[in-house]
Amino acid sequence: GMMQAERSHLPLKINTAGVIPPIFA
């Protein structure tokens, strides 16, 4: 039969760049 709609989430980190910006700068 018909399944229930699946729900998920897309995680977006507050600091996506990590330690790269201070190291690069």
mmCIF file of all heavy atoms, coordinates in Angstrom:
data_MODEL
# 
_entry.id   MODEL 
# 
loop_
_atom_site.group_PDB 
_atom_site.id 
_atom_site.type_symbol 
_atom_site.label_atom_id 
_atom_site.label_alt_id 
_atom_site.label_comp_id 
_atom_site.label_asym_id 
_atom_site.label_entity_id 
_atom_site.label_seq_id 
_atom_site.pdbx_PDB_ins_code 
_atom_site.Cartn_x 
_atom_site.Cartn_y 
_atom_site.Cartn_z 
_atom_site.occupancy 
_atom_site.B_iso_or_equiv 
_atom_site.pdbx_formal_charge 
_atom_site.auth_seq_id 
_atom_site.auth_comp_id 
_atom_site.auth_asym_id 
_atom_site.auth_atom_id 
_atom_site.pdbx_PDB_model_num 
ATOM 1   N N   . GLY A 1 1  ? 0.817  -1.203 0.000  1.00 0.00 ? 1  GLY A N   1 
ATOM 2   C CA  . GLY A 1 1  ? 0.000  0.000  0.000  1.00 0.00 ? 1  GLY A CA  1 
ATOM 3   C C   . GLY A 1 1  ? 0.847  1.248  0.000  1.00 0.00 ? 1  GLY A C   1 
ATOM 4   O O   . GLY A 1 1  ? 2.054  1.222  -0.265 1.00 0.00 ? 1  GLY A O   1 
ATOM 5   N N   . MET A 1 2  ? 0.210  2.359  0.348  1.00 0.00 ? 2  MET A N   1 
ATOM 6   C CA  . MET A 1 2  ? 0.884  3.647  0.341  1.00 0.00 ? 2  MET A CA  1 
ATOM 7   C C   . MET A 1 2  ? 1.664  3.839  1.635  1.00 0.00 ? 2  MET A C   1 
ATOM 8   O O   . MET A 1 2  ? 1.125  3.675  2.724  1.00 0.00 ? 2  MET A O   1 
ATOM 9   C CB  . MET A 1 2  ? -0.140 4.766  0.179  1.00 0.00 ? 2  MET A CB  1 
ATOM 10  C CG  . MET A 1 2  ? 0.482  6.129  -0.093 1.00 0.00 ? 2  MET A CG  1 
ATOM 11  S SD  . MET A 1 2  ? 1.152  6.281  -1.759 1.00 0.00 ? 2  MET A SD  1 
ATOM 12  C CE  . MET A 1 2  ? -0.346 6.220  -2.705 1.00 0.00 ? 2  MET A CE  1 
ATOM 13  N N   . MET A 1 3  ? 2.975  4.211  1.478  1.00 0.00 ? 3  MET A N   1 
ATOM 14  C CA  . MET A 1 3  ? 3.812  4.488  2.645  1.00 0.00 ? 3  MET A CA  1 
ATOM 15  C C   . MET A 1 3  ? 3.648  5.939  3.073  1.00 0.00 ? 3  MET A C   1 
ATOM 16  O O   . MET A 1 3  ? 3.261  6.801  2.283  1.00 0.00 ? 3  MET A O   1 
ATOM 17  C CB  . MET A 1 3  ? 5.292  4.227  2.319  1.00 0.00 ? 3  MET A CB  1 
ATOM 18  C CG  . MET A 1 3  ? 5.655  2.758  2.158  1.00 0.00 ? 3  MET A CG  1 
ATOM 19  S SD  . MET A 1 3  ? 7.415  2.566  1.818  1.00 0.00 ? 3  MET A SD  1 
ATOM 20  C CE  . MET A 1 3  ? 8.116  3.300  3.299  1.00 0.00 ? 3  MET A CE  1 
ATOM 21  N N   . GLN A 1 4  ? 3.979  6.208  4.323  1.00 0.00 ? 4  GLN A N   1 
ATOM 22  C CA  . GLN A 1 4  ? 3.930  7.570  4.828  1.00 0.00 ? 4  GLN A CA  1 
ATOM 23  C C   . GLN A 1 4  ? 5.088  8.375  4.252  1.00 0.00 ? 4  GLN A C   1 
ATOM 24  O O   . GLN A 1 4  ? 6.150  7.830  3.966  1.00 0.00 ? 4  GLN A O   1 
ATOM 25  C CB  . GLN A 1 4  ? 3.994  7.565  6.359  1.00 0.00 ? 4  GLN A CB  1 
ATOM 26  C CG  . GLN A 1 4  ? 3.763  8.926  6.981  1.00 0.00 ? 4  GLN A CG  1 
ATOM 27  C CD  . GLN A 1 4  ? 3.784  8.845  8.494  1.00 0.00 ? 4  GLN A CD  1 
ATOM 28  O OE1 . GLN A 1 4  ? 3.979  7.770  9.050  1.00 0.00 ? 4  GLN A OE1 1 
ATOM 29  N NE2 . GLN A 1 4  ? 3.586  9.979  9.153  1.00 0.00 ? 4  GLN A NE2 1 
ATOM 30  N N   . ALA A 1 5  ? 4.849  9.648  4.058  1.00 0.00 ? 5  ALA A N   1 
ATOM 31  C CA  . ALA A 1 5  ? 5.894  10.510 3.506  1.00 0.00 ? 5  ALA A CA  1 
ATOM 32  C C   . ALA A 1 5  ? 7.101  10.559 4.442  1.00 0.00 ? 5  ALA A C   1 
ATOM 33  O O   . ALA A 1 5  ? 6.943  10.675 5.665  1.00 0.00 ? 5  ALA A O   1 
ATOM 34  C CB  . ALA A 1 5  ? 5.352  11.917 3.288  1.00 0.00 ? 5  ALA A CB  1 
ATOM 35  N N   . GLU A 1 6  ? 8.294  10.439 3.856  1.00 0.00 ? 6  GLU A N   1 
ATOM 36  C CA  . GLU A 1 6  ? 9.532  10.446 4.639  1.00 0.00 ? 6  GLU A CA  1 
ATOM 37  C C   . GLU A 1 6  ? 9.964  11.878 4.933  1.00 0.00 ? 6  GLU A C   1 
ATOM 38  O O   . GLU A 1 6  ? 9.857  12.756 4.073  1.00 0.00 ? 6  GLU A O   1 
ATOM 39  C CB  . GLU A 1 6  ? 10.642 9.723  3.869  1.00 0.00 ? 6  GLU A CB  1 
ATOM 40  C CG  . GLU A 1 6  ? 10.349 8.259  3.626  1.00 0.00 ? 6  GLU A CG  1 
ATOM 41  C CD  . GLU A 1 6  ? 11.480 7.593  2.879  1.00 0.00 ? 6  GLU A CD  1 
ATOM 42  O OE1 . GLU A 1 6  ? 12.484 8.282  2.610  1.00 0.00 ? 6  GLU A OE1 1 
ATOM 43  O OE2 . GLU A 1 6  ? 11.363 6.399  2.570  1.00 0.00 ? 6  GLU A OE2 1 
ATOM 44  N N   . ARG A 1 7  ? 10.435 12.067 6.132  1.00 0.00 ? 7  ARG A N   1 
ATOM 45  C CA  . ARG A 1 7  ? 10.918 13.384 6.540  1.00 0.00 ? 7  ARG A CA  1 
ATOM 46  C C   . ARG A 1 7  ? 12.369 13.265 6.993  1.00 0.00 ? 7  ARG A C   1 
ATOM 47  O O   . ARG A 1 7  ? 12.738 12.316 7.679  1.00 0.00 ? 7  ARG A O   1 
ATOM 48  C CB  . ARG A 1 7  ? 10.059 13.969 7.664  1.00 0.00 ? 7  ARG A CB  1 
ATOM 49  C CG  . ARG A 1 7  ? 8.660  14.353 7.227  1.00 0.00 ? 7  ARG A CG  1 
ATOM 50  C CD  . ARG A 1 7  ? 7.902  15.010 8.358  1.00 0.00 ? 7  ARG A CD  1 
ATOM 51  N NE  . ARG A 1 7  ? 6.559  15.390 7.941  1.00 0.00 ? 7  ARG A NE  1 
ATOM 52  C CZ  . ARG A 1 7  ? 5.696  16.024 8.736  1.00 0.00 ? 7  ARG A CZ  1 
ATOM 53  N NH1 . ARG A 1 7  ? 6.031  16.310 9.995  1.00 0.00 ? 7  ARG A NH1 1 
ATOM 54  N NH2 . ARG A 1 7  ? 4.499  16.336 8.273  1.00 0.00 ? 7  ARG A NH2 1 
ATOM 55  N N   . SER A 1 8  ? 13.140 14.215 6.586  1.00 0.00 ? 8  SER A N   1 
ATOM 56  C CA  . SER A 1 8  ? 14.546 14.241 6.962  1.00 0.00 ? 8  SER A CA  1 
ATOM 57  C C   . SER A 1 8  ? 14.944 15.696 7.177  1.00 0.00 ? 8  SER A C   1 
ATOM 58  O O   . SER A 1 8  ? 14.075 16.583 7.261  1.00 0.00 ? 8  SER A O   1 
ATOM 59  C CB  . SER A 1 8  ? 15.403 13.584 5.865  1.00 0.00 ? 8  SER A CB  1 
ATOM 60  O OG  . SER A 1 8  ? 16.771 13.588 6.230  1.00 0.00 ? 8  SER A OG  1 
ATOM 61  N N   . HIS A 1 9  ? 16.220 15.934 7.275  1.00 0.00 ? 9  HIS A N   1 
ATOM 62  C CA  . HIS A 1 9  ? 16.688 17.314 7.446  1.00 0.00 ? 9  HIS A CA  1 
ATOM 63  C C   . HIS A 1 9  ? 18.038 17.466 6.758  1.00 0.00 ? 9  HIS A C   1 
ATOM 64  O O   . HIS A 1 9  ? 18.785 16.497 6.583  1.00 0.00 ? 9  HIS A O   1 
ATOM 65  C CB  . HIS A 1 9  ? 16.800 17.683 8.922  1.00 0.00 ? 9  HIS A CB  1 
ATOM 66  C CG  . HIS A 1 9  ? 17.840 16.893 9.676  1.00 0.00 ? 9  HIS A CG  1 
ATOM 67  N ND1 . HIS A 1 9  ? 17.546 15.702 10.303 1.00 0.00 ? 9  HIS A ND1 1 
ATOM 68  C CD2 . HIS A 1 9  ? 19.161 17.107 9.882  1.00 0.00 ? 9  HIS A CD2 1 
ATOM 69  C CE1 . HIS A 1 9  ? 18.636 15.214 10.859 1.00 0.00 ? 9  HIS A CE1 1 
ATOM 70  N NE2 . HIS A 1 9  ? 19.640 16.051 10.620 1.00 0.00 ? 9  HIS A NE2 1 
ATOM 71  N N   . LEU A 1 10 ? 18.339 18.686 6.356  1.00 0.00 ? 10 LEU A N   1 
ATOM 72  C CA  . LEU A 1 10 ? 19.622 19.038 5.743  1.00 0.00 ? 10 LEU A CA  1 
ATOM 73  C C   . LEU A 1 10 ? 20.421 19.843 6.759  1.00 0.00 ? 10 LEU A C   1 
ATOM 74  O O   . LEU A 1 10 ? 20.081 20.992 7.045  1.00 0.00 ? 10 LEU A O   1 
ATOM 75  C CB  . LEU A 1 10 ? 19.395 19.846 4.467  1.00 0.00 ? 10 LEU A CB  1 
ATOM 76  C CG  . LEU A 1 10 ? 20.655 20.331 3.732  1.00 0.00 ? 10 LEU A CG  1 
ATOM 77  C CD1 . LEU A 1 10 ? 21.455 19.151 3.202  1.00 0.00 ? 10 LEU A CD1 1 
ATOM 78  C CD2 . LEU A 1 10 ? 20.277 21.269 2.591  1.00 0.00 ? 10 LEU A CD2 1 
ATOM 79  N N   . PRO A 1 11 ? 21.484 19.260 7.353  1.00 0.00 ? 11 PRO A N   1 
ATOM 80  C CA  . PRO A 1 11 ? 22.238 19.994 8.373  1.00 0.00 ? 11 PRO A CA  1 
ATOM 81  C C   . PRO A 1 11 ? 23.202 21.002 7.747  1.00 0.00 ? 11 PRO A C   1 
ATOM 82  O O   . PRO A 1 11 ? 24.017 20.653 6.890  1.00 0.00 ? 11 PRO A O   1 
ATOM 83  C CB  . PRO A 1 11 ? 22.999 18.873 9.108  1.00 0.00 ? 11 PRO A CB  1 
ATOM 84  C CG  . PRO A 1 11 ? 23.166 17.800 8.080  1.00 0.00 ? 11 PRO A CG  1 
ATOM 85  C CD  . PRO A 1 11 ? 21.963 17.884 7.169  1.00 0.00 ? 11 PRO A CD  1 
ATOM 86  N N   . LEU A 1 12 ? 23.102 22.236 8.171  1.00 0.00 ? 12 LEU A N   1 
ATOM 87  C CA  . LEU A 1 12 ? 24.023 23.296 7.744  1.00 0.00 ? 12 LEU A CA  1 
ATOM 88  C C   . LEU A 1 12 ? 24.772 23.789 8.977  1.00 0.00 ? 12 LEU A C   1 
ATOM 89  O O   . LEU A 1 12 ? 24.167 24.343 9.907  1.00 0.00 ? 12 LEU A O   1 
ATOM 90  C CB  . LEU A 1 12 ? 23.256 24.462 7.093  1.00 0.00 ? 12 LEU A CB  1 
ATOM 91  C CG  . LEU A 1 12 ? 22.463 24.145 5.820  1.00 0.00 ? 12 LEU A CG  1 
ATOM 92  C CD1 . LEU A 1 12 ? 21.711 25.380 5.339  1.00 0.00 ? 12 LEU A CD1 1 
ATOM 93  C CD2 . LEU A 1 12 ? 23.394 23.641 4.731  1.00 0.00 ? 12 LEU A CD2 1 
ATOM 94  N N   . LYS A 1 13 ? 26.072 23.563 9.002  1.00 0.00 ? 13 LYS A N   1 
ATOM 95  C CA  . LYS A 1 13 ? 26.874 23.964 10.159 1.00 0.00 ? 13 LYS A CA  1 
ATOM 96  C C   . LYS A 1 13 ? 26.980 25.477 10.232 1.00 0.00 ? 13 LYS A C   1 
ATOM 97  O O   . LYS A 1 13 ? 27.073 26.174 9.207  1.00 0.00 ? 13 LYS A O   1 
ATOM 98  C CB  . LYS A 1 13 ? 28.272 23.349 10.072 1.00 0.00 ? 13 LYS A CB  1 
ATOM 99  C CG  . LYS A 1 13 ? 28.305 21.843 10.266 1.00 0.00 ? 13 LYS A CG  1 
ATOM 100 C CD  . LYS A 1 13 ? 29.737 21.346 10.319 1.00 0.00 ? 13 LYS A CD  1 
ATOM 101 C CE  . LYS A 1 13 ? 30.468 21.922 11.526 1.00 0.00 ? 13 LYS A CE  1 
ATOM 102 N NZ  . LYS A 1 13 ? 31.840 21.379 11.643 1.00 0.00 ? 13 LYS A NZ  1 
ATOM 103 N N   . ILE A 1 14 ? 26.998 25.993 11.466 1.00 0.00 ? 14 ILE A N   1 
ATOM 104 C CA  . ILE A 1 14 ? 27.195 27.429 11.661 1.00 0.00 ? 14 ILE A CA  1 
ATOM 105 C C   . ILE A 1 14 ? 28.557 27.843 11.125 1.00 0.00 ? 14 ILE A C   1 
ATOM 106 O O   . ILE A 1 14 ? 28.711 28.887 10.484 1.00 0.00 ? 14 ILE A O   1 
ATOM 107 C CB  . ILE A 1 14 ? 27.055 27.794 13.151 1.00 0.00 ? 14 ILE A CB  1 
ATOM 108 C CG1 . ILE A 1 14 ? 25.654 27.446 13.653 1.00 0.00 ? 14 ILE A CG1 1 
ATOM 109 C CG2 . ILE A 1 14 ? 27.345 29.270 13.382 1.00 0.00 ? 14 ILE A CG2 1 
ATOM 110 C CD1 . ILE A 1 14 ? 24.550 28.229 12.976 1.00 0.00 ? 14 ILE A CD1 1 
ATOM 111 N N   . ASN A 1 15 ? 29.552 27.009 11.379 1.00 0.00 ? 15 ASN A N   1 
ATOM 112 C CA  . ASN A 1 15 ? 30.906 27.273 10.868 1.00 0.00 ? 15 ASN A CA  1 
ATOM 113 C C   . ASN A 1 15 ? 31.231 26.209 9.822  1.00 0.00 ? 15 ASN A C   1 
ATOM 114 O O   . ASN A 1 15 ? 31.889 25.209 10.111 1.00 0.00 ? 15 ASN A O   1 
ATOM 115 C CB  . ASN A 1 15 ? 31.920 27.244 12.016 1.00 0.00 ? 15 ASN A CB  1 
ATOM 116 C CG  . ASN A 1 15 ? 33.330 27.506 11.536 1.00 0.00 ? 15 ASN A CG  1 
ATOM 117 O OD1 . ASN A 1 15 ? 33.552 28.152 10.505 1.00 0.00 ? 15 ASN A OD1 1 
ATOM 118 N ND2 . ASN A 1 15 ? 34.304 27.018 12.276 1.00 0.00 ? 15 ASN A ND2 1 
ATOM 119 N N   . THR A 1 16 ? 30.744 26.429 8.612  1.00 0.00 ? 16 THR A N   1 
ATOM 120 C CA  . THR A 1 16 ? 30.965 25.450 7.542  1.00 0.00 ? 16 THR A CA  1 
ATOM 121 C C   . THR A 1 16 ? 32.431 25.376 7.145  1.00 0.00 ? 16 THR A C   1 
ATOM 122 O O   . THR A 1 16 ? 32.930 24.317 6.768  1.00 0.00 ? 16 THR A O   1 
ATOM 123 C CB  . THR A 1 16 ? 30.113 25.824 6.315  1.00 0.00 ? 16 THR A CB  1 
ATOM 124 O OG1 . THR A 1 16 ? 28.753 25.987 6.722  1.00 0.00 ? 16 THR A OG1 1 
ATOM 125 C CG2 . THR A 1 16 ? 30.190 24.758 5.245  1.00 0.00 ? 16 THR A CG2 1 
ATOM 126 N N   . ALA A 1 17 ? 33.150 26.492 7.239  1.00 0.00 ? 17 ALA A N   1 
ATOM 127 C CA  . ALA A 1 17 ? 34.545 26.534 6.783  1.00 0.00 ? 17 ALA A CA  1 
ATOM 128 C C   . ALA A 1 17 ? 35.511 25.884 7.757  1.00 0.00 ? 17 ALA A C   1 
ATOM 129 O O   . ALA A 1 17 ? 36.658 25.598 7.385  1.00 0.00 ? 17 ALA A O   1 
ATOM 130 C CB  . ALA A 1 17 ? 34.969 27.983 6.536  1.00 0.00 ? 17 ALA A CB  1 
ATOM 131 N N   . GLY A 1 18 ? 35.118 25.660 9.003  1.00 0.00 ? 18 GLY A N   1 
ATOM 132 C CA  . GLY A 1 18 ? 36.012 25.017 9.973  1.00 0.00 ? 18 GLY A CA  1 
ATOM 133 C C   . GLY A 1 18 ? 37.195 25.897 10.352 1.00 0.00 ? 18 GLY A C   1 
ATOM 134 O O   . GLY A 1 18 ? 37.052 27.112 10.569 1.00 0.00 ? 18 GLY A O   1 
ATOM 135 N N   . VAL A 1 19 ? 38.384 25.285 10.404 1.00 0.00 ? 19 VAL A N   1 
ATOM 136 C CA  . VAL A 1 19 ? 39.598 26.018 10.805 1.00 0.00 ? 19 VAL A CA  1 
ATOM 137 C C   . VAL A 1 19 ? 40.306 26.633 9.610  1.00 0.00 ? 19 VAL A C   1 
ATOM 138 O O   . VAL A 1 19 ? 41.358 27.253 9.775  1.00 0.00 ? 19 VAL A O   1 
ATOM 139 C CB  . VAL A 1 19 ? 40.573 25.074 11.544 1.00 0.00 ? 19 VAL A CB  1 
ATOM 140 C CG1 . VAL A 1 19 ? 39.943 24.532 12.799 1.00 0.00 ? 19 VAL A CG1 1 
ATOM 141 C CG2 . VAL A 1 19 ? 41.027 23.944 10.633 1.00 0.00 ? 19 VAL A CG2 1 
ATOM 142 N N   . ILE A 1 20 ? 39.737 26.482 8.408  1.00 0.00 ? 20 ILE A N   1 
ATOM 143 C CA  . ILE A 1 20 ? 40.414 26.965 7.215  1.00 0.00 ? 20 ILE A CA  1 
ATOM 144 C C   . ILE A 1 20 ? 40.593 28.490 7.221  1.00 0.00 ? 20 ILE A C   1 
ATOM 145 O O   . ILE A 1 20 ? 41.689 28.987 6.902  1.00 0.00 ? 20 ILE A O   1 
ATOM 146 C CB  . ILE A 1 20 ? 39.661 26.507 5.950  1.00 0.00 ? 20 ILE A CB  1 
ATOM 147 C CG1 . ILE A 1 20 ? 39.643 24.975 5.882  1.00 0.00 ? 20 ILE A CG1 1 
ATOM 148 C CG2 . ILE A 1 20 ? 40.283 27.082 4.700  1.00 0.00 ? 20 ILE A CG2 1 
ATOM 149 C CD1 . ILE A 1 20 ? 41.020 24.356 5.797  1.00 0.00 ? 20 ILE A CD1 1 
ATOM 150 N N   . PRO A 1 21 ? 39.580 29.312 7.557  1.00 0.00 ? 21 PRO A N   1 
ATOM 151 C CA  . PRO A 1 21 ? 39.759 30.766 7.487  1.00 0.00 ? 21 PRO A CA  1 
ATOM 152 C C   . PRO A 1 21 ? 40.908 31.307 8.323  1.00 0.00 ? 21 PRO A C   1 
ATOM 153 O O   . PRO A 1 21 ? 41.737 32.069 7.804  1.00 0.00 ? 21 PRO A O   1 
ATOM 154 C CB  . PRO A 1 21 ? 38.403 31.310 7.948  1.00 0.00 ? 21 PRO A CB  1 
ATOM 155 C CG  . PRO A 1 21 ? 37.439 30.243 7.579  1.00 0.00 ? 21 PRO A CG  1 
ATOM 156 C CD  . PRO A 1 21 ? 38.173 28.953 7.816  1.00 0.00 ? 21 PRO A CD  1 
ATOM 157 N N   . PRO A 1 22 ? 41.034 30.967 9.625  1.00 0.00 ? 22 PRO A N   1 
ATOM 158 C CA  . PRO A 1 22 ? 42.183 31.511 10.366 1.00 0.00 ? 22 PRO A CA  1 
ATOM 159 C C   . PRO A 1 22 ? 43.527 30.999 9.862  1.00 0.00 ? 22 PRO A C   1 
ATOM 160 O O   . PRO A 1 22 ? 44.515 31.736 9.864  1.00 0.00 ? 22 PRO A O   1 
ATOM 161 C CB  . PRO A 1 22 ? 41.924 31.070 11.819 1.00 0.00 ? 22 PRO A CB  1 
ATOM 162 C CG  . PRO A 1 22 ? 40.959 29.961 11.733 1.00 0.00 ? 22 PRO A CG  1 
ATOM 163 C CD  . PRO A 1 22 ? 40.125 30.225 10.527 1.00 0.00 ? 22 PRO A CD  1 
ATOM 164 N N   . ILE A 1 23 ? 43.580 29.724 9.411  1.00 0.00 ? 23 ILE A N   1 
ATOM 165 C CA  . ILE A 1 23 ? 44.840 29.200 8.879  1.00 0.00 ? 23 ILE A CA  1 
ATOM 166 C C   . ILE A 1 23 ? 45.209 29.916 7.590  1.00 0.00 ? 23 ILE A C   1 
ATOM 167 O O   . ILE A 1 23 ? 46.363 30.319 7.389  1.00 0.00 ? 23 ILE A O   1 
ATOM 168 C CB  . ILE A 1 23 ? 44.732 27.682 8.659  1.00 0.00 ? 23 ILE A CB  1 
ATOM 169 C CG1 . ILE A 1 23 ? 44.602 26.951 10.000 1.00 0.00 ? 23 ILE A CG1 1 
ATOM 170 C CG2 . ILE A 1 23 ? 45.937 27.169 7.907  1.00 0.00 ? 23 ILE A CG2 1 
ATOM 171 C CD1 . ILE A 1 23 ? 44.466 25.453 9.865  1.00 0.00 ? 23 ILE A CD1 1 
ATOM 172 N N   . PHE A 1 24 ? 44.239 30.095 6.703  1.00 0.00 ? 24 PHE A N   1 
ATOM 173 C CA  . PHE A 1 24 ? 44.499 30.795 5.451  1.00 0.00 ? 24 PHE A CA  1 
ATOM 174 C C   . PHE A 1 24 ? 44.914 32.241 5.704  1.00 0.00 ? 24 PHE A C   1 
ATOM 175 O O   . PHE A 1 24 ? 45.867 32.745 5.106  1.00 0.00 ? 24 PHE A O   1 
ATOM 176 C CB  . PHE A 1 24 ? 43.250 30.768 4.568  1.00 0.00 ? 24 PHE A CB  1 
ATOM 177 C CG  . PHE A 1 24 ? 43.088 29.489 3.785  1.00 0.00 ? 24 PHE A CG  1 
ATOM 178 C CD1 . PHE A 1 24 ? 43.855 28.379 4.080  1.00 0.00 ? 24 PHE A CD1 1 
ATOM 179 C CD2 . PHE A 1 24 ? 42.159 29.385 2.766  1.00 0.00 ? 24 PHE A CD2 1 
ATOM 180 C CE1 . PHE A 1 24 ? 43.713 27.196 3.377  1.00 0.00 ? 24 PHE A CE1 1 
ATOM 181 C CE2 . PHE A 1 24 ? 42.009 28.215 2.047  1.00 0.00 ? 24 PHE A CE2 1 
ATOM 182 C CZ  . PHE A 1 24 ? 42.783 27.113 2.359  1.00 0.00 ? 24 PHE A CZ  1 
ATOM 183 N N   . ALA A 1 25 ? 44.190 32.931 6.596  1.00 0.00 ? 25 ALA A N   1 
ATOM 184 C CA  . ALA A 1 25 ? 44.505 34.337 6.866  1.00 0.00 ? 25 ALA A CA  1 
ATOM 185 C C   . ALA A 1 25 ? 45.887 34.486 7.495  1.00 0.00 ? 25 ALA A C   1 
ATOM 186 O O   . ALA A 1 25 ? 46.662 35.382 7.111  1.00 0.00 ? 25 ALA A O   1 
ATOM 187 C CB  . ALA A 1 25 ? 43.438 34.941 7.784  1.00 0.00 ? 25 ALA A CB  1 
# 
